[in-house]
Amino acid sequence: MKLWSGLKKAKDVTMKAVAAGTERAKEMIDEAALQRQLNEACLELGQKTFELMAAEKLDSAELTEAFVKVRELNEKLEAARAGAEAGKTRECAACKAPLDADAAFCTECGAEVAKAAAAS
């Protein structure tokens, strides 16, 4: 019976780690999508600037919309990155990997958080 409860606890801890990893993967996909949109907006802004300069018609009013789009995407990306880092407040004492606030085990080296902290 003791073995069964130990296995159940290990399963629960593993499922929590998988869920946390899945959530972080989703955040990373969202960040990558924002980065792609930002890159495309910067390219568009650069192309418009070049075209207007080449035609000797550089008018800041025509660039405002593209600039605003770049600025907004940049702010969203920075907020997404800050939000992802906000959940990473601790680090594993054994391998120095970032840990979620409620982690029982390190997702990098597998060390139990309490034991890893005691080892240092």
PDB file of N, CA and C in Angstrom:
ATOM      1  N   MET A   1       0.824  -1.196   0.000  1.00  0.00           N
ATOM      2  CA  MET A   1       0.000   0.000   0.000  1.00  0.00           C
ATOM      3  C   MET A   1       0.871   1.265   0.000  1.00  0.00           C
ATOM      4  N   LYS A   2       1.985   1.223   0.729  1.00  0.00           N
ATOM      5  CA  LYS A   2       2.881   2.366   0.789  1.00  0.00           C
ATOM      6  C   LYS A   2       3.507   2.629  -0.590  1.00  0.00           C
ATOM      7  N   LEU A   3       3.837   1.527  -1.281  1.00  0.00           N
ATOM      8  CA  LEU A   3       4.405   1.654  -2.622  1.00  0.00           C
ATOM      9  C   LEU A   3       3.396   2.318  -3.558  1.00  0.00           C
ATOM     10  N   TRP A   4       2.137   1.894  -3.448  1.00  0.00           N
ATOM     11  CA  TRP A   4       1.081   2.458  -4.299  1.00  0.00           C
ATOM     12  C   TRP A   4       0.934   3.962  -4.074  1.00  0.00           C
ATOM     13  N   SER A   5       0.942   4.387  -2.820  1.00  0.00           N
ATOM     14  CA  SER A   5       0.794   5.828  -2.550  1.00  0.00           C
ATOM     15  C   SER A   5       2.012   6.601  -3.048  1.00  0.00           C
ATOM     16  N   GLY A   6       3.195   5.976  -2.955  1.00  0.00           N
ATOM     17  CA  GLY A   6       4.400   6.617  -3.483  1.00  0.00           C
ATOM     18  C   GLY A   6       4.336   6.768  -4.995  1.00  0.00           C
ATOM     19  N   LEU A   7       3.841   5.721  -5.672  1.00  0.00           N
ATOM     20  CA  LEU A   7       3.691   5.787  -7.125  1.00  0.00           C
ATOM     21  C   LEU A   7       2.651   6.830  -7.526  1.00  0.00           C
ATOM     22  N   LYS A   8       1.573   6.896  -6.765  1.00  0.00           N
ATOM     23  CA  LYS A   8       0.527   7.877  -7.059  1.00  0.00           C
ATOM     24  C   LYS A   8       1.070   9.305  -6.893  1.00  0.00           C
ATOM     25  N   LYS A   9       1.867   9.495  -5.837  1.00  0.00           N
ATOM     26  CA  LYS A   9       2.450  10.819  -5.606  1.00  0.00           C
ATOM     27  C   LYS A   9       3.413  11.182  -6.744  1.00  0.00           C
ATOM     28  N   ALA A  10       4.217  10.209  -7.174  1.00  0.00           N
ATOM     29  CA  ALA A  10       5.148  10.454  -8.275  1.00  0.00           C
ATOM     30  C   ALA A  10       4.387  10.787  -9.556  1.00  0.00           C
ATOM     31  N   LYS A  11       3.286  10.075  -9.795  1.00  0.00           N
ATOM     32  CA  LYS A  11       2.453  10.342 -10.973  1.00  0.00           C
ATOM     33  C   LYS A  11       1.883  11.755 -10.902  1.00  0.00           C
ATOM     34  N   ASP A  12       1.387  12.148  -9.735  1.00  0.00           N
ATOM     35  CA  ASP A  12       0.807  13.483  -9.574  1.00  0.00           C
ATOM     36  C   ASP A  12       1.849  14.573  -9.816  1.00  0.00           C
ATOM     37  N   VAL A  13       3.049  14.371  -9.275  1.00  0.00           N
ATOM     38  CA  VAL A  13       4.128  15.351  -9.460  1.00  0.00           C
ATOM     39  C   VAL A  13       4.508  15.427 -10.936  1.00  0.00           C
ATOM     40  N   THR A  14       4.575  14.271 -11.586  1.00  0.00           N
ATOM     41  CA  THR A  14       4.911  14.236 -13.009  1.00  0.00           C
ATOM     42  C   THR A  14       3.853  14.940 -13.836  1.00  0.00           C
ATOM     43  N   MET A  15       2.600  14.706 -13.526  1.00  0.00           N
ATOM     44  CA  MET A  15       1.512  15.346 -14.270  1.00  0.00           C
ATOM     45  C   MET A  15       1.544  16.862 -14.086  1.00  0.00           C
ATOM     46  N   LYS A  16       1.887  17.327 -12.874  1.00  0.00           N
ATOM     47  CA  LYS A  16       2.011  18.772 -12.638  1.00  0.00           C
ATOM     48  C   LYS A  16       3.148  19.355 -13.468  1.00  0.00           C
ATOM     49  N   ALA A  17       4.274  18.621 -13.518  1.00  0.00           N
ATOM     50  CA  ALA A  17       5.422  19.096 -14.297  1.00  0.00           C
ATOM     51  C   ALA A  17       5.082  19.138 -15.780  1.00  0.00           C
ATOM     52  N   VAL A  18       4.370  18.125 -16.269  1.00  0.00           N
ATOM     53  CA  VAL A  18       3.959  18.107 -17.674  1.00  0.00           C
ATOM     54  C   VAL A  18       3.018  19.272 -17.960  1.00  0.00           C
ATOM     55  N   ALA A  19       2.072  19.514 -17.059  1.00  0.00           N
ATOM     56  CA  ALA A  19       1.138  20.621 -17.248  1.00  0.00           C
ATOM     57  C   ALA A  19       1.878  21.959 -17.275  1.00  0.00           C
ATOM     58  N   ALA A  20       2.845  22.122 -16.376  1.00  0.00           N
ATOM     59  CA  ALA A  20       3.619  23.368 -16.345  1.00  0.00           C
ATOM     60  C   ALA A  20       4.440  23.518 -17.620  1.00  0.00           C
ATOM     61  N   GLY A  21       5.020  22.413 -18.081  1.00  0.00           N
ATOM     62  CA  GLY A  21       5.797  22.452 -19.318  1.00  0.00           C
ATOM     63  C   GLY A  21       4.927  22.780 -20.518  1.00  0.00           C
ATOM     64  N   THR A  22       3.723  22.213 -20.538  1.00  0.00           N
ATOM     65  CA  THR A  22       2.785  22.480 -21.618  1.00  0.00           C
ATOM     66  C   THR A  22       2.384  23.951 -21.624  1.00  0.00           C
ATOM     67  N   GLU A  23       2.119  24.496 -20.453  1.00  0.00           N
ATOM     68  CA  GLU A  23       1.737  25.900 -20.348  1.00  0.00           C
ATOM     69  C   GLU A  23       2.875  26.804 -20.826  1.00  0.00           C
ATOM     70  N   ARG A  24       4.103  26.478 -20.437  1.00  0.00           N
ATOM     71  CA  ARG A  24       5.251  27.288 -20.866  1.00  0.00           C
ATOM     72  C   ARG A  24       5.444  27.185 -22.377  1.00  0.00           C
ATOM     73  N   ALA A  25       5.214  25.988 -22.927  1.00  0.00           N
ATOM     74  CA  ALA A  25       5.334  25.818 -24.374  1.00  0.00           C
ATOM     75  C   ALA A  25       4.317  26.693 -25.101  1.00  0.00           C
ATOM     76  N   LYS A  26       3.096  26.764 -24.571  1.00  0.00           N
ATOM     77  CA  LYS A  26       2.072  27.624 -25.168  1.00  0.00           C
ATOM     78  C   LYS A  26       2.493  29.089 -25.104  1.00  0.00           C
ATOM     79  N   GLU A  27       3.064  29.496 -23.971  1.00  0.00           N
ATOM     80  CA  GLU A  27       3.536  30.876 -23.831  1.00  0.00           C
ATOM     81  C   GLU A  27       4.641  31.174 -24.844  1.00  0.00           C
ATOM     82  N   MET A  28       5.534  30.209 -25.037  1.00  0.00           N
ATOM     83  CA  MET A  28       6.633  30.399 -25.980  1.00  0.00           C
ATOM     84  C   MET A  28       6.112  30.502 -27.418  1.00  0.00           C
ATOM     85  N   ILE A  29       5.082  29.717 -27.747  1.00  0.00           N
ATOM     86  CA  ILE A  29       4.476  29.791 -29.080  1.00  0.00           C
ATOM     87  C   ILE A  29       3.838  31.160 -29.284  1.00  0.00           C
ATOM     88  N   ASP A  30       3.148  31.653 -28.257  1.00  0.00           N
ATOM     89  CA  ASP A  30       2.532  32.982 -28.334  1.00  0.00           C
ATOM     90  C   ASP A  30       3.597  34.068 -28.505  1.00  0.00           C
ATOM     91  N   GLU A  31       4.700  33.946 -27.765  1.00  0.00           N
ATOM     92  CA  GLU A  31       5.790  34.917 -27.889  1.00  0.00           C
ATOM     93  C   GLU A  31       6.388  34.882 -29.289  1.00  0.00           C
ATOM     94  N   ALA A  32       6.569  33.682 -29.828  1.00  0.00           N
ATOM     95  CA  ALA A  32       7.135  33.555 -31.172  1.00  0.00           C
ATOM     96  C   ALA A  32       6.208  34.180 -32.209  1.00  0.00           C
ATOM     97  N   ALA A  33       4.898  34.013 -32.043  1.00  0.00           N
ATOM     98  CA  ALA A  33       3.941  34.615 -32.968  1.00  0.00           C
ATOM     99  C   ALA A  33       4.012  36.142 -32.895  1.00  0.00           C
ATOM    100  N   LEU A  34       4.117  36.673 -31.674  1.00  0.00           N
ATOM    101  CA  LEU A  34       4.256  38.130 -31.525  1.00  0.00           C
ATOM    102  C   LEU A  34       5.560  38.619 -32.149  1.00  0.00           C
ATOM    103  N   GLN A  35       6.639  37.858 -31.948  1.00  0.00           N
ATOM    104  CA  GLN A  35       7.930  38.244 -32.523  1.00  0.00           C
ATOM    105  C   GLN A  35       7.842  38.254 -34.049  1.00  0.00           C
ATOM    106  N   ARG A  36       7.157  37.270 -34.636  1.00  0.00           N
ATOM    107  CA  ARG A  36       6.988  37.215 -36.084  1.00  0.00           C
ATOM    108  C   ARG A  36       6.194  38.426 -36.573  1.00  0.00           C
ATOM    109  N   GLN A  37       5.119  38.759 -35.870  1.00  0.00           N
ATOM    110  CA  GLN A  37       4.313  39.921 -36.250  1.00  0.00           C
ATOM    111  C   GLN A  37       5.130  41.204 -36.145  1.00  0.00           C
ATOM    112  N   LEU A  38       5.940  41.300 -35.092  1.00  0.00           N
ATOM    113  CA  LEU A  38       6.795  42.474 -34.918  1.00  0.00           C
ATOM    114  C   LEU A  38       7.810  42.574 -36.053  1.00  0.00           C
ATOM    115  N   ASN A  39       8.416  41.452 -36.410  1.00  0.00           N
ATOM    116  CA  ASN A  39       9.384  41.454 -37.513  1.00  0.00           C
ATOM    117  C   ASN A  39       8.728  41.895 -38.816  1.00  0.00           C
ATOM    118  N   GLU A  40       7.524  41.391 -39.081  1.00  0.00           N
ATOM    119  CA  GLU A  40       6.811  41.768 -40.296  1.00  0.00           C
ATOM    120  C   GLU A  40       6.461  43.260 -40.284  1.00  0.00           C
ATOM    121  N   ALA A  41       6.046  43.776 -39.120  1.00  0.00           N
ATOM    122  CA  ALA A  41       5.699  45.193 -39.018  1.00  0.00           C
ATOM    123  C   ALA A  41       6.938  46.073 -39.218  1.00  0.00           C
ATOM    124  N   CYS A  42       8.070  45.640 -38.674  1.00  0.00           N
ATOM    125  CA  CYS A  42       9.316  46.407 -38.862  1.00  0.00           C
ATOM    126  C   CYS A  42       9.732  46.397 -40.329  1.00  0.00           C
ATOM    127  N   LEU A  43       9.582  45.260 -40.965  1.00  0.00           N
ATOM    128  CA  LEU A  43       9.903  45.168 -42.386  1.00  0.00           C
ATOM    129  C   LEU A  43       9.003  46.101 -43.198  1.00  0.00           C
ATOM    130  N   GLU A  44       7.720  46.096 -42.880  1.00  0.00           N
ATOM    131  CA  GLU A  44       6.776  46.972 -43.574  1.00  0.00           C
ATOM    132  C   GLU A  44       7.144  48.440 -43.368  1.00  0.00           C
ATOM    133  N   LEU A  45       7.489  48.796 -42.147  1.00  0.00           N
ATOM    134  CA  LEU A  45       7.885  50.180 -41.851  1.00  0.00           C
ATOM    135  C   LEU A  45       9.140  50.556 -42.640  1.00  0.00           C
ATOM    136  N   GLY A  46      10.109  49.659 -42.660  1.00  0.00           N
ATOM    137  CA  GLY A  46      11.332  49.921 -43.422  1.00  0.00           C
ATOM    138  C   GLY A  46      11.072  50.066 -44.912  1.00  0.00           C
ATOM    139  N   GLN A  47      10.205  49.200 -45.444  1.00  0.00           N
ATOM    140  CA  GLN A  47       9.879  49.280 -46.868  1.00  0.00           C
ATOM    141  C   GLN A  47       9.183  50.596 -47.199  1.00  0.00           C
ATOM    142  N   LYS A  48       8.238  51.001 -46.359  1.00  0.00           N
ATOM    143  CA  LYS A  48       7.534  52.267 -46.603  1.00  0.00           C
ATOM    144  C   LYS A  48       8.500  53.443 -46.544  1.00  0.00           C
ATOM    145  N   THR A  49       9.385  53.411 -45.561  1.00  0.00           N
ATOM    146  CA  THR A  49      10.356  54.499 -45.425  1.00  0.00           C
ATOM    147  C   THR A  49      11.240  54.573 -46.663  1.00  0.00           C
ATOM    148  N   PHE A  50      11.732  53.427 -47.105  1.00  0.00           N
ATOM    149  CA  PHE A  50      12.589  53.394 -48.288  1.00  0.00           C
ATOM    150  C   PHE A  50      11.853  53.920 -49.515  1.00  0.00           C
ATOM    151  N   GLU A  51      10.625  53.435 -49.719  1.00  0.00           N
ATOM    152  CA  GLU A  51       9.844  53.867 -50.883  1.00  0.00           C
ATOM    153  C   GLU A  51       9.609  55.375 -50.865  1.00  0.00           C
ATOM    154  N   LEU A  52       9.267  55.916 -49.712  1.00  0.00           N
ATOM    155  CA  LEU A  52       9.005  57.355 -49.617  1.00  0.00           C
ATOM    156  C   LEU A  52      10.279  58.170 -49.809  1.00  0.00           C
ATOM    157  N   MET A  53      11.387  57.679 -49.251  1.00  0.00           N
ATOM    158  CA  MET A  53      12.652  58.399 -49.434  1.00  0.00           C
ATOM    159  C   MET A  53      13.085  58.339 -50.890  1.00  0.00           C
ATOM    160  N   ALA A  54      12.907  57.172 -51.525  1.00  0.00           N
ATOM    161  CA  ALA A  54      13.303  57.030 -52.929  1.00  0.00           C
ATOM    162  C   ALA A  54      12.477  57.947 -53.825  1.00  0.00           C
ATOM    163  N   ALA A  55      11.219  58.133 -53.471  1.00  0.00           N
ATOM    164  CA  ALA A  55      10.345  59.002 -54.259  1.00  0.00           C
ATOM    165  C   ALA A  55      10.424  60.455 -53.803  1.00  0.00           C
ATOM    166  N   GLU A  56      11.297  60.717 -52.840  1.00  0.00           N
ATOM    167  CA  GLU A  56      11.457  62.050 -52.262  1.00  0.00           C
ATOM    168  C   GLU A  56      10.141  62.608 -51.764  1.00  0.00           C
ATOM    169  N   LYS A  57       9.344  61.736 -51.131  1.00  0.00           N
ATOM    170  CA  LYS A  57       8.041  62.123 -50.590  1.00  0.00           C
ATOM    171  C   LYS A  57       7.920  61.715 -49.125  1.00  0.00           C
ATOM    172  N   LEU A  58       9.006  61.753 -48.420  1.00  0.00           N
ATOM    173  CA  LEU A  58       8.966  61.324 -47.020  1.00  0.00           C
ATOM    174  C   LEU A  58       8.059  62.246 -46.226  1.00  0.00           C
ATOM    175  N   ASP A  59       6.958  61.690 -45.759  1.00  0.00           N
ATOM    176  CA  ASP A  59       5.964  62.429 -44.983  1.00  0.00           C
ATOM    177  C   ASP A  59       5.698  61.597 -43.733  1.00  0.00           C
ATOM    178  N   SER A  60       6.008  62.156 -42.602  1.00  0.00           N
ATOM    179  CA  SER A  60       5.875  61.393 -41.366  1.00  0.00           C
ATOM    180  C   SER A  60       4.457  60.919 -41.101  1.00  0.00           C
ATOM    181  N   ALA A  61       3.467  61.616 -41.609  1.00  0.00           N
ATOM    182  CA  ALA A  61       2.080  61.204 -41.404  1.00  0.00           C
ATOM    183  C   ALA A  61       1.815  59.842 -42.048  1.00  0.00           C
ATOM    184  N   GLU A  62       2.465  59.581 -43.181  1.00  0.00           N
ATOM    185  CA  GLU A  62       2.275  58.302 -43.866  1.00  0.00           C
ATOM    186  C   GLU A  62       2.936  57.150 -43.114  1.00  0.00           C
ATOM    187  N   LEU A  63       3.924  57.457 -42.314  1.00  0.00           N
ATOM    188  CA  LEU A  63       4.629  56.419 -41.569  1.00  0.00           C
ATOM    189  C   LEU A  63       4.050  56.180 -40.176  1.00  0.00           C
ATOM    190  N   THR A  64       3.212  57.072 -39.722  1.00  0.00           N
ATOM    191  CA  THR A  64       2.692  56.998 -38.354  1.00  0.00           C
ATOM    192  C   THR A  64       1.981  55.688 -38.080  1.00  0.00           C
ATOM    193  N   GLU A  65       1.125  55.257 -38.970  1.00  0.00           N
ATOM    194  CA  GLU A  65       0.362  54.022 -38.752  1.00  0.00           C
ATOM    195  C   GLU A  65       1.283  52.814 -38.611  1.00  0.00           C
ATOM    196  N   ALA A  66       2.276  52.709 -39.483  1.00  0.00           N
ATOM    197  CA  ALA A  66       3.221  51.593 -39.404  1.00  0.00           C
ATOM    198  C   ALA A  66       4.042  51.670 -38.123  1.00  0.00           C
ATOM    199  N   PHE A  67       4.456  52.870 -37.751  1.00  0.00           N
ATOM    200  CA  PHE A  67       5.236  53.037 -36.531  1.00  0.00           C
ATOM    201  C   PHE A  67       4.427  52.645 -35.302  1.00  0.00           C
ATOM    202  N   VAL A  68       3.166  53.063 -35.242  1.00  0.00           N
ATOM    203  CA  VAL A  68       2.295  52.740 -34.111  1.00  0.00           C
ATOM    204  C   VAL A  68       2.126  51.225 -34.003  1.00  0.00           C
ATOM    205  N   LYS A  69       1.963  50.560 -35.140  1.00  0.00           N
ATOM    206  CA  LYS A  69       1.821  49.101 -35.145  1.00  0.00           C
ATOM    207  C   LYS A  69       3.072  48.432 -34.590  1.00  0.00           C
ATOM    208  N   VAL A  70       4.241  48.895 -34.999  1.00  0.00           N
ATOM    209  CA  VAL A  70       5.503  48.340 -34.496  1.00  0.00           C
ATOM    210  C   VAL A  70       5.612  48.561 -32.992  1.00  0.00           C
ATOM    211  N   ARG A  71       5.301  49.763 -32.542  1.00  0.00           N
ATOM    212  CA  ARG A  71       5.395  50.068 -31.120  1.00  0.00           C
ATOM    213  C   ARG A  71       4.441  49.199 -30.302  1.00  0.00           C
ATOM    214  N   GLU A  72       3.197  49.033 -30.753  1.00  0.00           N
ATOM    215  CA  GLU A  72       2.218  48.223 -30.024  1.00  0.00           C
ATOM    216  C   GLU A  72       2.639  46.755 -29.956  1.00  0.00           C
ATOM    217  N   LEU A  73       3.133  46.217 -31.071  1.00  0.00           N
ATOM    218  CA  LEU A  73       3.585  44.822 -31.069  1.00  0.00           C
ATOM    219  C   LEU A  73       4.792  44.641 -30.157  1.00  0.00           C
ATOM    220  N   ASN A  74       5.681  45.609 -30.150  1.00  0.00           N
ATOM    221  CA  ASN A  74       6.851  45.543 -29.279  1.00  0.00           C
ATOM    222  C   ASN A  74       6.432  45.550 -27.804  1.00  0.00           C
ATOM    223  N   GLU A  75       5.468  46.383 -27.460  1.00  0.00           N
ATOM    224  CA  GLU A  75       4.971  46.436 -26.083  1.00  0.00           C
ATOM    225  C   GLU A  75       4.299  45.120 -25.692  1.00  0.00           C
ATOM    226  N   LYS A  76       3.515  44.531 -26.614  1.00  0.00           N
ATOM    227  CA  LYS A  76       2.872  43.245 -26.329  1.00  0.00           C
ATOM    228  C   LYS A  76       3.910  42.146 -26.104  1.00  0.00           C
ATOM    229  N   LEU A  77       4.943  42.144 -26.934  1.00  0.00           N
ATOM    230  CA  LEU A  77       5.991  41.138 -26.799  1.00  0.00           C
ATOM    231  C   LEU A  77       6.730  41.301 -25.477  1.00  0.00           C
ATOM    232  N   GLU A  78       7.062  42.515 -25.113  1.00  0.00           N
ATOM    233  CA  GLU A  78       7.741  42.757 -23.833  1.00  0.00           C
ATOM    234  C   GLU A  78       6.858  42.337 -22.660  1.00  0.00           C
ATOM    235  N   ALA A  79       5.557  42.615 -22.736  1.00  0.00           N
ATOM    236  CA  ALA A  79       4.634  42.216 -21.673  1.00  0.00           C
ATOM    237  C   ALA A  79       4.530  40.699 -21.582  1.00  0.00           C
ATOM    238  N   ALA A  80       4.495  40.030 -22.716  1.00  0.00           N
ATOM    239  CA  ALA A  80       4.426  38.563 -22.717  1.00  0.00           C
ATOM    240  C   ALA A  80       5.680  37.970 -22.092  1.00  0.00           C
ATOM    241  N   ARG A  81       6.833  38.518 -22.438  1.00  0.00           N
ATOM    242  CA  ARG A  81       8.092  38.013 -21.865  1.00  0.00           C
ATOM    243  C   ARG A  81       8.172  38.299 -20.367  1.00  0.00           C
ATOM    244  N   ALA A  82       7.717  39.466 -19.953  1.00  0.00           N
ATOM    245  CA  ALA A  82       7.728  39.805 -18.522  1.00  0.00           C
ATOM    246  C   ALA A  82       6.781  38.897 -17.756  1.00  0.00           C
ATOM    247  N   GLY A  83       5.625  38.599 -18.339  1.00  0.00           N
ATOM    248  CA  GLY A  83       4.669  37.702 -17.691  1.00  0.00           C
ATOM    249  C   GLY A  83       5.219  36.308 -17.541  1.00  0.00           C
ATOM    250  N   ALA A  84       5.944  35.827 -18.545  1.00  0.00           N
ATOM    251  CA  ALA A  84       6.537  34.494 -18.475  1.00  0.00           C
ATOM    252  C   ALA A  84       7.613  34.446 -17.396  1.00  0.00           C
ATOM    253  N   GLU A  85       8.378  35.501 -17.266  1.00  0.00           N
ATOM    254  CA  GLU A  85       9.444  35.526 -16.264  1.00  0.00           C
ATOM    255  C   GLU A  85       8.919  35.733 -14.849  1.00  0.00           C
ATOM    256  N   ALA A  86       7.731  36.326 -14.716  1.00  0.00           N
ATOM    257  CA  ALA A  86       7.180  36.595 -13.388  1.00  0.00           C
ATOM    258  C   ALA A  86       6.919  35.309 -12.613  1.00  0.00           C
ATOM    259  N   GLY A  87       6.571  34.233 -13.316  1.00  0.00           N
ATOM    260  CA  GLY A  87       6.311  32.955 -12.662  1.00  0.00           C
ATOM    261  C   GLY A  87       7.569  32.203 -12.279  1.00  0.00           C
ATOM    262  N   LYS A  88       8.712  32.658 -12.737  1.00  0.00           N
ATOM    263  CA  LYS A  88       9.987  31.983 -12.475  1.00  0.00           C
ATOM    264  C   LYS A  88      10.746  32.743 -11.393  1.00  0.00           C
ATOM    265  N   THR A  89      10.362  32.518 -10.147  1.00  0.00           N
ATOM    266  CA  THR A  89      10.951  33.300  -9.072  1.00  0.00           C
ATOM    267  C   THR A  89      12.064  32.558  -8.332  1.00  0.00           C
ATOM    268  N   ARG A  90      12.162  31.245  -8.528  1.00  0.00           N
ATOM    269  CA  ARG A  90      13.198  30.488  -7.823  1.00  0.00           C
ATOM    270  C   ARG A  90      14.083  29.778  -8.829  1.00  0.00           C
ATOM    271  N   GLU A  91      15.219  29.261  -8.326  1.00  0.00           N
ATOM    272  CA  GLU A  91      16.075  28.456  -9.181  1.00  0.00           C
ATOM    273  C   GLU A  91      16.512  27.216  -8.426  1.00  0.00           C
ATOM    274  N   CYS A  92      16.767  26.158  -9.177  1.00  0.00           N
ATOM    275  CA  CYS A  92      17.188  24.885  -8.593  1.00  0.00           C
ATOM    276  C   CYS A  92      18.582  25.060  -8.003  1.00  0.00           C
ATOM    277  N   ALA A  93      18.764  24.609  -6.785  1.00  0.00           N
ATOM    278  CA  ALA A  93      20.069  24.713  -6.140  1.00  0.00           C
ATOM    279  C   ALA A  93      21.079  23.762  -6.772  1.00  0.00           C
ATOM    280  N   ALA A  94      20.581  22.684  -7.371  1.00  0.00           N
ATOM    281  CA  ALA A  94      21.483  21.693  -7.959  1.00  0.00           C
ATOM    282  C   ALA A  94      22.008  22.121  -9.325  1.00  0.00           C
ATOM    283  N   CYS A  95      21.110  22.622 -10.213  1.00  0.00           N
ATOM    284  CA  CYS A  95      21.531  22.929 -11.585  1.00  0.00           C
ATOM    285  C   CYS A  95      21.303  24.379 -11.990  1.00  0.00           C
ATOM    286  N   LYS A  96      20.709  25.178 -11.114  1.00  0.00           N
ATOM    287  CA  LYS A  96      20.451  26.611 -11.346  1.00  0.00           C
ATOM    288  C   LYS A  96      19.370  26.893 -12.390  1.00  0.00           C
ATOM    289  N   ALA A  97      18.587  25.883 -12.783  1.00  0.00           N
ATOM    290  CA  ALA A  97      17.494  26.097 -13.727  1.00  0.00           C
ATOM    291  C   ALA A  97      16.361  26.855 -13.030  1.00  0.00           C
ATOM    292  N   PRO A  98      15.615  27.681 -13.758  1.00  0.00           N
ATOM    293  CA  PRO A  98      14.481  28.388 -13.144  1.00  0.00           C
ATOM    294  C   PRO A  98      13.390  27.398 -12.741  1.00  0.00           C
ATOM    295  N   LEU A  99      12.740  27.671 -11.619  1.00  0.00           N
ATOM    296  CA  LEU A  99      11.672  26.815 -11.104  1.00  0.00           C
ATOM    297  C   LEU A  99      10.381  27.607 -10.999  1.00  0.00           C
ATOM    298  N   ASP A 100       9.272  26.942 -11.261  1.00  0.00           N
ATOM    299  CA  ASP A 100       7.980  27.554 -10.999  1.00  0.00           C
ATOM    300  C   ASP A 100       7.820  27.708  -9.493  1.00  0.00           C
ATOM    301  N   ALA A 101       7.000  28.645  -9.085  1.00  0.00           N
ATOM    302  CA  ALA A 101       6.830  28.943  -7.666  1.00  0.00           C
ATOM    303  C   ALA A 101       6.361  27.732  -6.864  1.00  0.00           C
ATOM    304  N   ASP A 102       5.555  26.845  -7.465  1.00  0.00           N
ATOM    305  CA  ASP A 102       5.017  25.708  -6.726  1.00  0.00           C
ATOM    306  C   ASP A 102       5.691  24.386  -7.088  1.00  0.00           C
ATOM    307  N   ALA A 103       6.853  24.425  -7.741  1.00  0.00           N
ATOM    308  CA  ALA A 103       7.533  23.205  -8.180  1.00  0.00           C
ATOM    309  C   ALA A 103       8.027  22.375  -7.002  1.00  0.00           C
ATOM    310  N   ALA A 104       7.796  21.076  -7.092  1.00  0.00           N
ATOM    311  CA  ALA A 104       8.323  20.145  -6.098  1.00  0.00           C
ATOM    312  C   ALA A 104       9.623  19.522  -6.600  1.00  0.00           C
ATOM    313  N   PHE A 105       9.767  19.443  -7.933  1.00  0.00           N
ATOM    314  CA  PHE A 105      10.954  18.877  -8.552  1.00  0.00           C
ATOM    315  C   PHE A 105      11.430  19.792  -9.671  1.00  0.00           C
ATOM    316  N   CYS A 106      12.713  19.765  -9.936  1.00  0.00           N
ATOM    317  CA  CYS A 106      13.298  20.536 -11.029  1.00  0.00           C
ATOM    318  C   CYS A 106      12.955  19.852 -12.346  1.00  0.00           C
ATOM    319  N   THR A 107      12.484  20.617 -13.320  1.00  0.00           N
ATOM    320  CA  THR A 107      12.142  20.034 -14.616  1.00  0.00           C
ATOM    321  C   THR A 107      13.378  19.778 -15.473  1.00  0.00           C
ATOM    322  N   GLU A 108      14.530  20.312 -15.080  1.00  0.00           N
ATOM    323  CA  GLU A 108      15.764  20.098 -15.831  1.00  0.00           C
ATOM    324  C   GLU A 108      16.539  18.880 -15.330  1.00  0.00           C
ATOM    325  N   CYS A 109      16.825  18.838 -14.032  1.00  0.00           N
ATOM    326  CA  CYS A 109      17.664  17.753 -13.505  1.00  0.00           C
ATOM    327  C   CYS A 109      16.886  16.735 -12.682  1.00  0.00           C
ATOM    328  N   GLY A 110      15.629  17.030 -12.334  1.00  0.00           N
ATOM    329  CA  GLY A 110      14.804  16.091 -11.581  1.00  0.00           C
ATOM    330  C   GLY A 110      15.003  16.130 -10.083  1.00  0.00           C
ATOM    331  N   ALA A 111      15.870  16.994  -9.606  1.00  0.00           N
ATOM    332  CA  ALA A 111      16.126  17.065  -8.169  1.00  0.00           C
ATOM    333  C   ALA A 111      14.882  17.560  -7.437  1.00  0.00           C
ATOM    334  N   GLU A 112      14.634  16.971  -6.284  1.00  0.00           N
ATOM    335  CA  GLU A 112      13.532  17.451  -5.470  1.00  0.00           C
ATOM    336  C   GLU A 112      13.927  18.827  -4.962  1.00  0.00           C
ATOM    337  N   VAL A 113      13.031  19.774  -5.037  1.00  0.00           N
ATOM    338  CA  VAL A 113      13.366  21.157  -4.735  1.00  0.00           C
ATOM    339  C   VAL A 113      13.862  21.315  -3.301  1.00  0.00           C
ATOM    340  N   ALA A 114      13.171  20.749  -2.343  1.00  0.00           N
ATOM    341  CA  ALA A 114      13.593  20.884  -0.946  1.00  0.00           C
ATOM    342  C   ALA A 114      14.957  20.254  -0.720  1.00  0.00           C
ATOM    343  N   LYS A 115      15.206  19.069  -1.318  1.00  0.00           N
ATOM    344  CA  LYS A 115      16.483  18.385  -1.152  1.00  0.00           C
ATOM    345  C   LYS A 115      17.590  19.143  -1.881  1.00  0.00           C
ATOM    346  N   ALA A 116      17.289  19.682  -3.045  1.00  0.00           N
ATOM    347  CA  ALA A 116      18.298  20.436  -3.787  1.00  0.00           C
ATOM    348  C   ALA A 116      18.700  21.682  -3.018  1.00  0.00           C
ATOM    349  N   ALA A 117      17.723  22.316  -2.347  1.00  0.00           N
ATOM    350  CA  ALA A 117      18.033  23.513  -1.568  1.00  0.00           C
ATOM    351  C   ALA A 117      18.877  23.160  -0.350  1.00  0.00           C
ATOM    352  N   ALA A 118      18.618  21.991   0.255  1.00  0.00           N
ATOM    353  CA  ALA A 118      19.378  21.579   1.426  1.00  0.00           C
ATOM    354  C   ALA A 118      20.802  21.188   1.073  1.00  0.00           C
ATOM    355  N   ALA A 119      21.024  20.724  -0.173  1.00  0.00           N
ATOM    356  CA  ALA A 119      22.338  20.269  -0.603  1.00  0.00           C
ATOM    357  C   ALA A 119      23.306  21.432  -0.800  1.00  0.00           C
ATOM    358  N   SER A 120      22.789  22.630  -1.013  1.00  0.00           N
ATOM    359  CA  SER A 120      23.691  23.758  -1.280  1.00  0.00           C
ATOM    360  C   SER A 120      24.179  24.423  -0.031  1.00  0.00           C
TER     361      SER A 120
END
